[in-house]
N, C-alpha and C. Protein backbone atom coordinates (compact mmCIF):
# COMPACT_ATOMS: atom_id res chain seq x y z
N MET A 1 6.58 7.63 19.49
CA MET A 1 5.95 8.47 18.49
C MET A 1 5.45 7.57 17.34
N PRO A 2 4.21 7.76 16.91
CA PRO A 2 3.68 6.89 15.84
C PRO A 2 4.37 7.13 14.50
N HIS A 3 4.43 6.09 13.72
CA HIS A 3 4.96 6.19 12.37
C HIS A 3 3.83 6.55 11.41
N ARG A 4 4.15 7.34 10.41
CA ARG A 4 3.17 7.76 9.40
C ARG A 4 3.17 6.74 8.27
N ILE A 5 2.07 6.00 8.11
CA ILE A 5 1.99 4.93 7.13
C ILE A 5 0.80 5.17 6.21
N LEU A 6 1.06 5.19 4.92
CA LEU A 6 0.00 5.33 3.93
C LEU A 6 -0.36 3.95 3.40
N VAL A 7 -1.65 3.67 3.39
CA VAL A 7 -2.17 2.38 2.91
C VAL A 7 -2.89 2.66 1.59
N PHE A 8 -2.33 2.16 0.50
CA PHE A 8 -2.84 2.44 -0.84
C PHE A 8 -3.77 1.33 -1.32
N TYR A 9 -4.92 1.74 -1.86
CA TYR A 9 -5.90 0.81 -2.40
C TYR A 9 -6.33 1.32 -3.76
N GLY A 10 -6.45 0.39 -4.75
CA GLY A 10 -6.62 0.88 -6.11
C GLY A 10 -7.75 0.36 -6.95
N SER A 11 -8.74 -0.32 -6.37
CA SER A 11 -9.83 -0.83 -7.20
C SER A 11 -10.78 0.30 -7.60
N TYR A 12 -11.20 0.28 -8.86
CA TYR A 12 -12.20 1.22 -9.37
C TYR A 12 -13.54 0.54 -9.60
N ARG A 13 -13.68 -0.71 -9.23
CA ARG A 13 -14.89 -1.47 -9.50
C ARG A 13 -16.05 -0.98 -8.63
N SER A 14 -17.27 -1.27 -9.08
CA SER A 14 -18.46 -0.86 -8.33
C SER A 14 -18.58 -1.61 -7.01
N ASP A 15 -18.40 -2.92 -7.06
CA ASP A 15 -18.50 -3.75 -5.85
C ASP A 15 -17.09 -4.10 -5.39
N ARG A 16 -16.51 -3.21 -4.61
CA ARG A 16 -15.11 -3.33 -4.23
C ARG A 16 -14.98 -4.13 -2.94
N LEU A 17 -14.65 -5.40 -3.05
CA LEU A 17 -14.48 -6.22 -1.86
C LEU A 17 -13.12 -5.98 -1.20
N GLY A 18 -12.13 -5.58 -1.97
CA GLY A 18 -10.79 -5.36 -1.42
C GLY A 18 -10.72 -4.25 -0.40
N ILE A 19 -11.70 -3.35 -0.41
CA ILE A 19 -11.72 -2.28 0.58
C ILE A 19 -11.78 -2.87 1.99
N ARG A 20 -12.30 -4.08 2.11
CA ARG A 20 -12.34 -4.76 3.40
C ARG A 20 -10.93 -5.01 3.94
N LEU A 21 -10.05 -5.45 3.07
CA LEU A 21 -8.66 -5.69 3.49
C LEU A 21 -7.96 -4.37 3.81
N ALA A 22 -8.25 -3.34 3.03
CA ALA A 22 -7.67 -2.02 3.32
C ALA A 22 -8.11 -1.53 4.70
N GLN A 23 -9.39 -1.69 5.01
CA GLN A 23 -9.90 -1.28 6.33
C GLN A 23 -9.25 -2.11 7.44
N PHE A 24 -9.12 -3.40 7.22
CA PHE A 24 -8.49 -4.28 8.20
C PHE A 24 -7.07 -3.84 8.50
N VAL A 25 -6.30 -3.52 7.46
CA VAL A 25 -4.91 -3.11 7.65
C VAL A 25 -4.82 -1.76 8.36
N VAL A 26 -5.61 -0.79 7.92
CA VAL A 26 -5.59 0.53 8.56
C VAL A 26 -5.95 0.40 10.04
N GLU A 27 -7.03 -0.33 10.33
CA GLU A 27 -7.44 -0.49 11.73
C GLU A 27 -6.40 -1.25 12.55
N GLY A 28 -5.78 -2.26 11.93
CA GLY A 28 -4.75 -3.02 12.63
C GLY A 28 -3.54 -2.17 12.96
N LEU A 29 -3.12 -1.32 12.05
CA LEU A 29 -1.98 -0.44 12.30
C LEU A 29 -2.33 0.61 13.35
N ARG A 30 -3.53 1.16 13.27
CA ARG A 30 -3.95 2.15 14.27
C ARG A 30 -4.04 1.54 15.66
N ALA A 31 -4.49 0.29 15.74
CA ALA A 31 -4.58 -0.39 17.04
C ALA A 31 -3.20 -0.56 17.67
N ARG A 32 -2.16 -0.56 16.84
CA ARG A 32 -0.78 -0.66 17.33
C ARG A 32 -0.20 0.72 17.65
N GLY A 33 -1.00 1.76 17.49
CA GLY A 33 -0.55 3.12 17.80
C GLY A 33 0.07 3.87 16.64
N GLU A 34 -0.04 3.31 15.44
CA GLU A 34 0.56 3.97 14.26
C GLU A 34 -0.43 4.96 13.64
N ASP A 35 0.10 5.92 12.92
CA ASP A 35 -0.69 6.93 12.21
C ASP A 35 -0.90 6.43 10.78
N ALA A 36 -1.94 5.62 10.59
CA ALA A 36 -2.21 5.00 9.29
C ALA A 36 -3.36 5.72 8.59
N GLU A 37 -3.18 5.93 7.29
CA GLU A 37 -4.21 6.62 6.50
C GLU A 37 -4.44 5.85 5.20
N LEU A 38 -5.71 5.68 4.86
CA LEU A 38 -6.09 5.03 3.61
C LEU A 38 -6.01 6.05 2.47
N ILE A 39 -5.31 5.68 1.41
CA ILE A 39 -5.26 6.47 0.18
C ILE A 39 -5.99 5.65 -0.88
N ASP A 40 -7.17 6.09 -1.27
CA ASP A 40 -8.03 5.38 -2.21
C ASP A 40 -7.86 5.99 -3.60
N ALA A 41 -7.27 5.23 -4.50
CA ALA A 41 -7.01 5.74 -5.85
C ALA A 41 -8.28 6.21 -6.54
N LYS A 42 -9.38 5.51 -6.36
CA LYS A 42 -10.65 5.90 -7.00
C LYS A 42 -11.13 7.25 -6.47
N ALA A 43 -11.00 7.46 -5.17
CA ALA A 43 -11.43 8.74 -4.57
C ALA A 43 -10.56 9.89 -5.04
N ILE A 44 -9.28 9.65 -5.20
CA ILE A 44 -8.37 10.71 -5.67
C ILE A 44 -8.62 11.00 -7.14
N GLY A 45 -8.81 9.94 -7.93
CA GLY A 45 -9.21 10.10 -9.32
C GLY A 45 -8.18 10.73 -10.24
N LEU A 46 -6.92 10.33 -10.12
CA LEU A 46 -5.92 10.86 -11.04
C LEU A 46 -6.21 10.41 -12.46
N PRO A 47 -5.89 11.24 -13.46
CA PRO A 47 -6.08 10.80 -14.85
C PRO A 47 -5.07 9.72 -15.20
N MET A 48 -5.30 9.04 -16.31
CA MET A 48 -4.28 8.11 -16.79
C MET A 48 -2.98 8.88 -16.95
N LEU A 49 -1.90 8.23 -16.62
CA LEU A 49 -0.61 8.91 -16.59
C LEU A 49 -0.25 9.51 -17.94
N ASP A 50 -0.09 10.82 -17.94
CA ASP A 50 0.42 11.56 -19.09
C ASP A 50 1.73 12.22 -18.68
N ARG A 51 1.70 12.86 -17.53
CA ARG A 51 2.86 13.58 -17.03
C ARG A 51 3.06 13.24 -15.55
N MET A 52 4.26 12.79 -15.20
CA MET A 52 4.57 12.50 -13.80
C MET A 52 4.61 13.79 -13.00
N TYR A 53 4.45 13.66 -11.70
CA TYR A 53 4.48 14.82 -10.81
C TYR A 53 5.74 15.66 -11.04
N LYS A 54 6.88 15.00 -11.18
CA LYS A 54 8.15 15.72 -11.32
C LYS A 54 8.27 16.44 -12.66
N GLU A 55 7.40 16.12 -13.62
CA GLU A 55 7.47 16.74 -14.94
C GLU A 55 6.69 18.04 -15.04
N TYR A 56 5.95 18.37 -13.98
CA TYR A 56 5.26 19.66 -13.95
C TYR A 56 6.22 20.73 -13.45
N PRO A 57 6.20 21.91 -14.04
CA PRO A 57 6.98 23.01 -13.44
C PRO A 57 6.49 23.24 -12.01
N LYS A 58 7.41 23.59 -11.13
CA LYS A 58 7.09 23.76 -9.72
C LYS A 58 5.86 24.65 -9.53
N GLY A 59 4.92 24.14 -8.75
CA GLY A 59 3.71 24.90 -8.44
C GLY A 59 2.60 24.79 -9.46
N THR A 60 2.78 23.99 -10.50
CA THR A 60 1.74 23.90 -11.54
C THR A 60 1.05 22.54 -11.61
N ALA A 61 1.44 21.60 -10.77
CA ALA A 61 0.80 20.28 -10.78
C ALA A 61 -0.65 20.41 -10.29
N PRO A 62 -1.55 19.56 -10.78
CA PRO A 62 -2.92 19.57 -10.27
C PRO A 62 -2.93 19.41 -8.75
N ALA A 63 -3.91 20.03 -8.10
CA ALA A 63 -3.96 20.07 -6.64
C ALA A 63 -3.93 18.67 -6.02
N ALA A 64 -4.68 17.73 -6.59
CA ALA A 64 -4.71 16.36 -6.03
C ALA A 64 -3.33 15.72 -6.11
N LEU A 65 -2.62 15.95 -7.18
CA LEU A 65 -1.28 15.40 -7.36
C LEU A 65 -0.31 16.04 -6.37
N GLU A 66 -0.42 17.33 -6.18
CA GLU A 66 0.44 18.06 -5.24
C GLU A 66 0.22 17.56 -3.81
N ARG A 67 -1.05 17.40 -3.42
CA ARG A 67 -1.37 16.91 -2.06
C ARG A 67 -0.81 15.51 -1.85
N LEU A 68 -1.01 14.66 -2.84
CA LEU A 68 -0.55 13.29 -2.70
C LEU A 68 0.97 13.21 -2.66
N ALA A 69 1.64 14.02 -3.45
CA ALA A 69 3.11 14.06 -3.41
C ALA A 69 3.60 14.43 -2.01
N ASP A 70 2.97 15.42 -1.40
CA ASP A 70 3.34 15.82 -0.04
C ASP A 70 3.09 14.70 0.96
N GLN A 71 1.97 14.00 0.80
CA GLN A 71 1.66 12.89 1.70
C GLN A 71 2.70 11.78 1.57
N ILE A 72 3.06 11.43 0.35
CA ILE A 72 4.04 10.37 0.12
C ILE A 72 5.39 10.77 0.69
N LYS A 73 5.82 12.01 0.41
CA LYS A 73 7.13 12.46 0.92
C LYS A 73 7.16 12.50 2.45
N GLY A 74 6.01 12.73 3.08
CA GLY A 74 5.94 12.82 4.53
C GLY A 74 5.75 11.49 5.24
N ALA A 75 5.58 10.42 4.49
CA ALA A 75 5.31 9.11 5.09
C ALA A 75 6.60 8.40 5.48
N ASP A 76 6.47 7.54 6.48
CA ASP A 76 7.59 6.70 6.91
C ASP A 76 7.59 5.36 6.19
N GLY A 77 6.43 4.92 5.72
CA GLY A 77 6.32 3.64 5.04
C GLY A 77 4.97 3.51 4.37
N PHE A 78 4.84 2.42 3.61
CA PHE A 78 3.66 2.23 2.78
C PHE A 78 3.16 0.79 2.85
N VAL A 79 1.85 0.63 2.68
CA VAL A 79 1.27 -0.69 2.46
C VAL A 79 0.45 -0.60 1.18
N PHE A 80 0.66 -1.55 0.28
CA PHE A 80 -0.09 -1.60 -0.97
C PHE A 80 -1.07 -2.77 -0.89
N ILE A 81 -2.36 -2.44 -0.99
CA ILE A 81 -3.42 -3.44 -0.97
C ILE A 81 -3.75 -3.74 -2.43
N THR A 82 -3.45 -4.95 -2.87
CA THR A 82 -3.59 -5.25 -4.28
C THR A 82 -4.51 -6.43 -4.56
N GLY A 83 -5.43 -6.20 -5.44
CA GLY A 83 -6.23 -7.28 -5.99
C GLY A 83 -5.50 -7.85 -7.19
N GLU A 84 -5.97 -8.99 -7.66
CA GLU A 84 -5.35 -9.64 -8.81
C GLU A 84 -6.31 -9.60 -9.99
N TYR A 85 -5.84 -9.02 -11.08
CA TYR A 85 -6.63 -8.96 -12.31
C TYR A 85 -5.91 -9.78 -13.38
N ASN A 86 -6.45 -10.91 -13.73
CA ASN A 86 -5.88 -11.74 -14.79
C ASN A 86 -4.38 -11.99 -14.60
N TRP A 87 -4.03 -12.43 -13.42
CA TRP A 87 -2.64 -12.73 -13.02
C TRP A 87 -1.79 -11.47 -12.87
N GLY A 88 -2.38 -10.30 -12.90
CA GLY A 88 -1.59 -9.07 -12.85
C GLY A 88 -2.12 -8.09 -11.82
N VAL A 89 -1.59 -6.88 -11.91
CA VAL A 89 -1.89 -5.83 -10.93
C VAL A 89 -3.09 -5.00 -11.38
N GLN A 90 -3.70 -4.34 -10.42
CA GLN A 90 -4.83 -3.46 -10.73
C GLN A 90 -4.35 -2.21 -11.45
N PRO A 91 -4.99 -1.86 -12.54
CA PRO A 91 -4.55 -0.67 -13.28
C PRO A 91 -4.72 0.63 -12.50
N GLY A 92 -5.75 0.74 -11.67
CA GLY A 92 -5.95 1.98 -10.90
C GLY A 92 -4.82 2.25 -9.92
N LEU A 93 -4.39 1.20 -9.22
CA LEU A 93 -3.30 1.36 -8.26
C LEU A 93 -1.97 1.60 -8.96
N LYS A 94 -1.76 0.90 -10.05
CA LYS A 94 -0.52 1.08 -10.82
C LYS A 94 -0.44 2.49 -11.38
N ASN A 95 -1.56 2.99 -11.90
CA ASN A 95 -1.59 4.35 -12.44
C ASN A 95 -1.25 5.38 -11.37
N LEU A 96 -1.85 5.25 -10.19
CA LEU A 96 -1.54 6.19 -9.10
C LEU A 96 -0.06 6.13 -8.75
N THR A 97 0.46 4.93 -8.60
CA THR A 97 1.85 4.74 -8.20
C THR A 97 2.82 5.35 -9.22
N ASP A 98 2.53 5.17 -10.50
CA ASP A 98 3.43 5.63 -11.56
C ASP A 98 3.50 7.15 -11.71
N HIS A 99 2.61 7.87 -11.09
CA HIS A 99 2.68 9.34 -11.14
C HIS A 99 3.89 9.89 -10.37
N PHE A 100 4.51 9.03 -9.58
CA PHE A 100 5.61 9.48 -8.71
C PHE A 100 6.82 8.57 -8.89
N LEU A 101 7.98 9.05 -8.48
CA LEU A 101 9.17 8.22 -8.47
C LEU A 101 10.03 8.56 -7.25
N GLU A 102 10.76 9.66 -7.30
CA GLU A 102 11.67 10.00 -6.20
C GLU A 102 10.93 10.13 -4.87
N GLU A 103 9.64 10.46 -4.92
CA GLU A 103 8.86 10.62 -3.69
C GLU A 103 8.81 9.32 -2.88
N TRP A 104 8.95 8.17 -3.54
CA TRP A 104 8.90 6.87 -2.87
C TRP A 104 10.24 6.45 -2.25
N PHE A 105 11.32 7.04 -2.69
CA PHE A 105 12.66 6.53 -2.38
C PHE A 105 12.92 6.39 -0.88
N TRP A 106 13.71 5.35 -0.55
CA TRP A 106 14.32 5.13 0.76
C TRP A 106 13.32 4.88 1.89
N ARG A 107 12.14 4.37 1.54
CA ARG A 107 11.18 3.97 2.56
C ARG A 107 10.69 2.55 2.27
N PRO A 108 10.29 1.81 3.30
CA PRO A 108 9.83 0.45 3.09
C PRO A 108 8.37 0.38 2.68
N ALA A 109 8.04 -0.70 1.99
CA ALA A 109 6.67 -0.97 1.57
C ALA A 109 6.34 -2.42 1.88
N ALA A 110 5.09 -2.66 2.22
CA ALA A 110 4.58 -4.00 2.44
C ALA A 110 3.42 -4.24 1.49
N ILE A 111 3.18 -5.49 1.17
CA ILE A 111 2.13 -5.85 0.21
C ILE A 111 1.12 -6.76 0.88
N ALA A 112 -0.16 -6.39 0.75
CA ALA A 112 -1.27 -7.21 1.20
C ALA A 112 -2.15 -7.48 -0.02
N SER A 113 -2.42 -8.74 -0.30
CA SER A 113 -3.15 -9.08 -1.52
C SER A 113 -4.47 -9.79 -1.21
N TYR A 114 -5.34 -9.78 -2.21
CA TYR A 114 -6.64 -10.43 -2.07
C TYR A 114 -7.16 -10.83 -3.45
N SER A 115 -8.10 -11.75 -3.43
CA SER A 115 -8.86 -12.06 -4.64
C SER A 115 -10.12 -12.79 -4.23
N ALA A 116 -10.99 -12.99 -5.20
CA ALA A 116 -12.22 -13.72 -4.94
C ALA A 116 -11.95 -15.22 -4.86
N GLY A 117 -10.79 -15.64 -5.31
CA GLY A 117 -10.45 -17.06 -5.33
C GLY A 117 -9.49 -17.45 -4.23
N ARG A 118 -9.11 -18.71 -4.25
CA ARG A 118 -8.30 -19.26 -3.16
C ARG A 118 -6.83 -18.86 -3.22
N PHE A 119 -6.34 -18.33 -4.36
CA PHE A 119 -4.94 -17.91 -4.43
C PHE A 119 -4.70 -16.55 -3.77
N ALA A 120 -5.77 -15.85 -3.42
CA ALA A 120 -5.70 -14.63 -2.59
C ALA A 120 -4.81 -13.53 -3.17
N GLY A 121 -4.72 -13.46 -4.50
CA GLY A 121 -3.95 -12.39 -5.12
C GLY A 121 -2.45 -12.59 -5.09
N ALA A 122 -1.99 -13.80 -4.85
CA ALA A 122 -0.55 -14.06 -4.71
C ALA A 122 0.24 -13.65 -5.95
N ARG A 123 -0.33 -13.84 -7.14
CA ARG A 123 0.41 -13.50 -8.36
C ARG A 123 0.56 -11.98 -8.51
N ALA A 124 -0.45 -11.23 -8.09
CA ALA A 124 -0.34 -9.77 -8.12
C ALA A 124 0.69 -9.30 -7.10
N ALA A 125 0.70 -9.93 -5.94
CA ALA A 125 1.69 -9.56 -4.91
C ALA A 125 3.10 -9.77 -5.44
N THR A 126 3.31 -10.87 -6.14
CA THR A 126 4.63 -11.15 -6.71
C THR A 126 5.00 -10.08 -7.74
N ALA A 127 4.06 -9.69 -8.57
CA ALA A 127 4.32 -8.65 -9.58
C ALA A 127 4.65 -7.31 -8.93
N TRP A 128 3.94 -6.97 -7.86
CA TRP A 128 4.19 -5.69 -7.18
C TRP A 128 5.56 -5.65 -6.53
N HIS A 129 6.06 -6.77 -6.09
CA HIS A 129 7.36 -6.79 -5.40
C HIS A 129 8.45 -6.16 -6.28
N GLY A 130 8.55 -6.60 -7.51
CA GLY A 130 9.56 -6.05 -8.42
C GLY A 130 9.29 -4.61 -8.78
N THR A 131 8.03 -4.26 -8.98
CA THR A 131 7.67 -2.89 -9.34
C THR A 131 8.05 -1.90 -8.24
N LEU A 132 7.69 -2.22 -7.01
CA LEU A 132 7.98 -1.31 -5.89
C LEU A 132 9.48 -1.21 -5.63
N SER A 133 10.19 -2.32 -5.79
CA SER A 133 11.65 -2.28 -5.65
C SER A 133 12.27 -1.37 -6.69
N GLU A 134 11.80 -1.48 -7.93
CA GLU A 134 12.32 -0.62 -9.00
C GLU A 134 12.05 0.85 -8.74
N MET A 135 10.98 1.14 -7.99
CA MET A 135 10.62 2.52 -7.69
C MET A 135 11.31 3.04 -6.44
N GLY A 136 12.29 2.32 -5.92
CA GLY A 136 13.11 2.84 -4.84
C GLY A 136 12.68 2.49 -3.44
N MET A 137 11.72 1.57 -3.30
CA MET A 137 11.27 1.15 -1.98
C MET A 137 11.93 -0.16 -1.59
N VAL A 138 12.11 -0.36 -0.30
CA VAL A 138 12.53 -1.65 0.22
C VAL A 138 11.25 -2.42 0.51
N VAL A 139 11.05 -3.54 -0.16
CA VAL A 139 9.82 -4.32 0.03
C VAL A 139 10.09 -5.38 1.09
N VAL A 140 9.31 -5.34 2.17
CA VAL A 140 9.51 -6.29 3.27
C VAL A 140 9.09 -7.68 2.83
N SER A 141 9.67 -8.68 3.46
CA SER A 141 9.40 -10.06 3.04
C SER A 141 8.05 -10.58 3.52
N SER A 142 7.54 -10.07 4.62
CA SER A 142 6.24 -10.54 5.12
C SER A 142 5.10 -9.97 4.29
N THR A 143 4.16 -10.83 3.97
CA THR A 143 2.95 -10.41 3.26
C THR A 143 1.75 -10.99 3.99
N ILE A 144 0.59 -10.43 3.68
CA ILE A 144 -0.66 -11.06 4.11
C ILE A 144 -1.54 -11.17 2.88
N ALA A 145 -2.45 -12.15 2.91
CA ALA A 145 -3.32 -12.39 1.76
C ALA A 145 -4.69 -12.83 2.25
N ALA A 146 -5.72 -12.38 1.55
CA ALA A 146 -7.09 -12.72 1.91
C ALA A 146 -7.80 -13.29 0.69
N GLY A 147 -8.22 -14.53 0.81
CA GLY A 147 -8.96 -15.12 -0.29
C GLY A 147 -9.54 -16.46 0.10
N PRO A 148 -10.75 -16.68 -0.29
CA PRO A 148 -11.63 -15.74 -0.96
C PRO A 148 -11.98 -14.56 -0.03
N ILE A 149 -11.82 -13.35 -0.54
CA ILE A 149 -11.99 -12.15 0.27
C ILE A 149 -13.37 -12.07 0.92
N GLY A 150 -14.41 -12.47 0.20
CA GLY A 150 -15.77 -12.39 0.73
C GLY A 150 -16.03 -13.34 1.88
N GLN A 151 -15.18 -14.36 2.03
CA GLN A 151 -15.33 -15.32 3.12
C GLN A 151 -14.29 -15.11 4.22
N THR A 152 -13.43 -14.11 4.05
CA THR A 152 -12.34 -13.86 5.00
C THR A 152 -12.59 -12.62 5.85
N LEU A 153 -13.22 -11.61 5.25
CA LEU A 153 -13.50 -10.35 5.95
C LEU A 153 -14.95 -9.93 5.71
N THR A 154 -15.58 -9.40 6.75
CA THR A 154 -16.94 -8.90 6.62
C THR A 154 -16.94 -7.57 5.86
N ALA A 155 -18.11 -7.07 5.57
CA ALA A 155 -18.24 -5.81 4.82
C ALA A 155 -17.56 -4.64 5.51
N ASP A 156 -17.42 -4.70 6.84
CA ASP A 156 -16.75 -3.62 7.56
C ASP A 156 -15.31 -3.97 7.95
N GLY A 157 -14.73 -4.97 7.26
CA GLY A 157 -13.31 -5.28 7.44
C GLY A 157 -12.96 -6.11 8.66
N LYS A 158 -13.92 -6.83 9.21
CA LYS A 158 -13.67 -7.67 10.38
C LYS A 158 -13.41 -9.10 9.94
N PRO A 159 -12.42 -9.77 10.52
CA PRO A 159 -12.12 -11.16 10.16
C PRO A 159 -13.30 -12.08 10.45
N THR A 160 -13.49 -13.06 9.57
CA THR A 160 -14.55 -14.04 9.75
C THR A 160 -14.09 -15.39 9.24
N GLY A 161 -14.57 -16.44 9.85
CA GLY A 161 -14.26 -17.79 9.39
C GLY A 161 -12.79 -18.14 9.57
N ASP A 162 -12.42 -19.29 8.99
CA ASP A 162 -11.04 -19.77 9.11
C ASP A 162 -10.05 -18.83 8.42
N GLY A 163 -10.45 -18.27 7.27
CA GLY A 163 -9.57 -17.32 6.57
C GLY A 163 -9.31 -16.08 7.40
N GLY A 164 -10.34 -15.60 8.08
CA GLY A 164 -10.18 -14.44 8.94
C GLY A 164 -9.25 -14.72 10.11
N LYS A 165 -9.37 -15.93 10.68
CA LYS A 165 -8.47 -16.31 11.77
C LYS A 165 -7.02 -16.36 11.30
N ALA A 166 -6.82 -16.91 10.12
CA ALA A 166 -5.45 -16.98 9.57
C ALA A 166 -4.90 -15.58 9.32
N LEU A 167 -5.74 -14.68 8.83
CA LEU A 167 -5.32 -13.30 8.58
C LEU A 167 -4.95 -12.60 9.89
N GLU A 168 -5.78 -12.76 10.90
CA GLU A 168 -5.48 -12.19 12.22
C GLU A 168 -4.18 -12.73 12.77
N HIS A 169 -3.94 -14.00 12.58
CA HIS A 169 -2.71 -14.64 13.07
C HIS A 169 -1.47 -14.10 12.34
N ALA A 170 -1.60 -13.83 11.04
CA ALA A 170 -0.46 -13.38 10.23
C ALA A 170 -0.17 -11.88 10.39
N PHE A 171 -1.16 -11.11 10.77
CA PHE A 171 -0.98 -9.65 10.78
C PHE A 171 0.13 -9.14 11.70
N PRO A 172 0.27 -9.64 12.94
CA PRO A 172 1.32 -9.10 13.81
C PRO A 172 2.72 -9.22 13.20
N ARG A 173 3.05 -10.35 12.61
CA ARG A 173 4.38 -10.50 12.00
C ARG A 173 4.53 -9.53 10.82
N PHE A 174 3.49 -9.43 10.00
CA PHE A 174 3.47 -8.49 8.88
C PHE A 174 3.77 -7.07 9.36
N ALA A 175 3.06 -6.64 10.39
CA ALA A 175 3.23 -5.28 10.93
C ALA A 175 4.59 -5.13 11.60
N ASP A 176 5.04 -6.13 12.34
CA ASP A 176 6.35 -6.07 12.98
C ASP A 176 7.47 -5.91 11.95
N ASP A 177 7.38 -6.65 10.87
CA ASP A 177 8.38 -6.58 9.81
C ASP A 177 8.41 -5.17 9.21
N LEU A 178 7.24 -4.65 8.89
CA LEU A 178 7.18 -3.29 8.33
C LEU A 178 7.74 -2.27 9.32
N MET A 179 7.38 -2.36 10.59
CA MET A 179 7.86 -1.39 11.58
C MET A 179 9.37 -1.47 11.76
N TRP A 180 9.94 -2.68 11.72
CA TRP A 180 11.38 -2.83 11.85
C TRP A 180 12.09 -2.08 10.73
N TRP A 181 11.60 -2.24 9.50
CA TRP A 181 12.22 -1.56 8.37
C TRP A 181 11.97 -0.06 8.38
N ILE A 182 10.81 0.34 8.85
CA ILE A 182 10.54 1.78 8.98
C ILE A 182 11.54 2.40 9.96
N GLU A 183 11.73 1.77 11.10
CA GLU A 183 12.67 2.30 12.10
C GLU A 183 14.10 2.27 11.58
N ALA A 184 14.47 1.21 10.87
CA ALA A 184 15.82 1.13 10.31
C ALA A 184 16.05 2.22 9.27
N ALA A 185 15.07 2.45 8.40
CA ALA A 185 15.21 3.47 7.36
C ALA A 185 15.27 4.87 7.97
N LYS A 186 14.44 5.12 8.98
CA LYS A 186 14.47 6.44 9.64
C LYS A 186 15.81 6.69 10.30
N ALA A 187 16.33 5.67 10.98
CA ALA A 187 17.62 5.82 11.66
C ALA A 187 18.74 6.07 10.66
N GLN A 188 18.73 5.36 9.55
CA GLN A 188 19.77 5.54 8.54
C GLN A 188 19.67 6.91 7.87
N ARG A 189 18.45 7.37 7.57
CA ARG A 189 18.30 8.70 6.96
C ARG A 189 18.78 9.78 7.92
N ALA A 190 18.56 9.58 9.23
CA ALA A 190 19.03 10.55 10.23
C ALA A 190 20.54 10.53 10.34
N ARG A 191 21.15 9.36 10.13
CA ARG A 191 22.59 9.22 10.26
C ARG A 191 23.33 9.71 9.03
N LYS A 192 22.74 9.47 7.86
CA LYS A 192 23.44 9.76 6.61
C LYS A 192 22.42 10.05 5.51
N ALA A 193 22.65 11.09 4.75
CA ALA A 193 21.75 11.43 3.65
C ALA A 193 21.78 10.34 2.59
N PRO A 194 20.64 10.04 1.96
CA PRO A 194 20.64 9.05 0.88
C PRO A 194 21.61 9.46 -0.23
N PRO A 195 22.16 8.47 -0.93
CA PRO A 195 23.19 8.79 -1.93
C PRO A 195 22.68 9.53 -3.18
N TYR A 196 21.37 9.49 -3.40
CA TYR A 196 20.77 10.25 -4.52
C TYR A 196 19.32 10.49 -4.27
């Protein structure tokens, strides 16, 4: 049975190169038989965080927030596609993530980073690791990175050049690591209810 995996992408820029990595990850997971879905923060368009989902009285949250909460609660695991902005995380993705808390608990997350430069978003990936852990997710140790993104993936998310070959080579371990933790978390939740 396929695992339900949400792939989060958060750039709001006009020329979004990171969408290539998001497409690559979604297609790679689907090729392995998983039920992967892209969640695009720009398309959802949540406002800047004023009130978290849990702070709305039941049944009064905006429709987009309610739908997304249900999707997150129904997922087995997550992949966060992160670009690097001035050594930090993308505000659009961080804003979407911060609307929720308990909805993330007890599921694994993986991080895939990118940038226009040769560091491939590594500093943003490092920043996300602590953030996602604090939000109740188990962050897997395997990561993938694309940079320079424009020379690693084509406009339709296909690997190209030496960077693309390296990304293709790294993806199976990345996906295997995430699937191992997804299966472990599902088995533990079935065996014993989470402590909170």
